[in-house]
């Protein structure tokens, strides 16, 4: 049979375990959010650079399929994670762009 002090120790242990689990969940969420922000930033840079190359220099380093794939992925990420967009690069430039595949930036 447990003594009262052992019960308190057990409750403390359970509470500590709960805090550790919650902290790991927060860290996991932060890591996931950081990864999403990094991917959005990467896709924004890719779309911007390749748009400049295509529209300003009349050249292309990638095929249309790849550009469209990146642009669609960027659109989907921005739709799925609107609360993370404030932490992304070029937030004002990409704010009102709905169809990135056919976008015209002020280059």
Protein backbone atom coordinates (compact mmCIF):
# COMPACT_ATOMS: atom_id res chain seq x y z
CA UNK A 1 0.00 0.00 0.00
CA UNK A 2 1.20 3.50 -0.87
CA UNK A 3 2.04 5.94 1.80
CA UNK A 4 0.67 9.43 1.43
CA UNK A 5 4.09 10.83 0.52
CA UNK A 6 4.43 8.19 -2.20
CA UNK A 7 1.06 9.24 -3.62
CA UNK A 8 2.18 12.86 -3.72
CA UNK A 9 5.39 11.80 -5.42
CA UNK A 10 3.36 9.84 -7.95
CA UNK A 11 1.12 12.84 -8.65
CA UNK A 12 4.19 15.04 -9.05
CA UNK A 13 5.67 12.52 -11.44
CA UNK A 14 2.45 12.39 -13.47
CA UNK A 15 2.26 16.19 -13.55
CA UNK A 16 5.91 16.42 -14.64
CA UNK A 17 5.31 13.82 -17.36
CA UNK A 18 2.29 15.76 -18.58
CA UNK A 19 4.35 18.97 -18.75
CA UNK A 20 7.11 17.21 -20.67
CA UNK A 21 4.60 15.81 -23.17
CA UNK A 22 2.97 19.22 -23.61
CA UNK A 23 6.37 20.87 -24.06
CA UNK A 24 7.36 18.31 -26.69
CA UNK A 25 4.07 18.95 -28.51
CA UNK A 26 4.71 22.71 -28.52
CA UNK A 27 8.25 22.14 -29.82
CA UNK A 28 6.91 19.76 -32.45
CA UNK A 29 4.35 22.36 -33.56
CA UNK A 30 7.02 25.09 -33.65
CA UNK A 31 9.29 22.84 -35.70
CA UNK A 32 6.45 22.07 -38.10
CA UNK A 33 5.55 25.76 -38.42
CA UNK A 34 9.18 26.70 -39.05
CA UNK A 35 9.41 24.05 -41.76
CA UNK A 36 6.25 25.37 -43.42
CA UNK A 37 7.54 28.96 -43.28
CA UNK A 38 10.87 27.85 -44.77
CA UNK A 39 9.09 26.04 -47.59
CA UNK A 40 6.83 29.03 -48.33
CA UNK A 41 9.90 31.29 -48.38
CA UNK A 42 11.71 28.91 -50.71
CA UNK A 43 8.78 28.67 -53.11
CA UNK A 44 8.31 32.45 -53.08
CA UNK A 45 11.96 33.00 -53.96
CA UNK A 46 11.79 30.38 -56.71
CA UNK A 47 8.65 31.85 -58.24
CA UNK A 48 10.04 35.37 -58.03
CA UNK A 49 13.46 34.53 -59.50
CA UNK A 50 12.09 32.41 -62.32
CA UNK A 51 9.41 34.99 -63.11
CA UNK A 52 12.14 37.63 -63.46
CA UNK A 53 14.21 35.36 -65.67
CA UNK A 54 11.21 34.51 -67.83
CA UNK A 55 9.49 37.89 -68.11
CA UNK A 56 12.44 40.28 -67.89
CA UNK A 57 15.19 38.31 -69.59
CA UNK A 58 12.98 36.33 -71.94
CA UNK A 59 14.71 33.13 -70.90
CA UNK A 60 14.01 30.09 -68.78
CA UNK A 61 16.10 27.84 -66.56
CA UNK A 62 13.29 25.45 -65.69
CA UNK A 63 10.42 23.97 -67.65
CA UNK A 64 6.85 25.21 -67.33
CA UNK A 65 5.80 22.04 -65.52
CA UNK A 66 8.27 22.68 -62.67
CA UNK A 67 7.30 26.34 -62.39
CA UNK A 68 3.59 25.46 -62.31
CA UNK A 69 4.21 22.76 -59.70
CA UNK A 70 6.06 25.21 -57.45
CA UNK A 71 3.42 27.89 -57.94
CA UNK A 72 0.55 25.50 -57.16
CA UNK A 73 2.36 24.26 -54.08
CA UNK A 74 2.90 27.84 -52.94
CA UNK A 75 -0.78 28.66 -53.49
CA UNK A 76 -1.82 25.60 -51.50
CA UNK A 77 0.57 26.36 -48.64
CA UNK A 78 -0.63 29.96 -48.43
CA UNK A 79 -4.25 28.80 -48.41
CA UNK A 80 -3.59 26.14 -45.77
CA UNK A 81 -1.47 28.30 -43.44
CA UNK A 82 -2.69 31.91 -43.67
CA UNK A 83 -1.70 32.55 -40.04
CA UNK A 84 1.98 31.87 -40.87
CA UNK A 85 2.20 34.29 -43.81
CA UNK A 86 3.07 37.28 -41.63
CA UNK A 87 6.33 35.53 -40.74
CA UNK A 88 7.25 34.86 -44.38
CA UNK A 89 9.40 36.90 -46.74
CA UNK A 90 7.82 39.22 -49.29
CA UNK A 91 4.57 39.16 -47.33
CA UNK A 92 3.23 42.35 -48.90
CA UNK A 93 4.21 41.37 -52.43
CA UNK A 94 2.45 38.01 -52.28
CA UNK A 95 -0.51 39.13 -50.15
CA UNK A 96 -3.10 39.64 -52.89
CA UNK A 97 -1.87 37.16 -55.48
CA UNK A 98 -4.45 34.44 -55.96
CA UNK A 99 -3.25 32.70 -59.11
CA UNK A 100 0.50 32.51 -59.01
CA UNK A 101 0.82 30.44 -62.17
CA UNK A 102 -0.35 33.40 -64.21
CA UNK A 103 0.93 36.13 -61.99
CA UNK A 104 2.43 39.37 -63.06
CA UNK A 105 4.60 40.90 -60.38
CA UNK A 106 5.77 44.47 -60.46
CA UNK A 107 9.26 43.35 -61.43
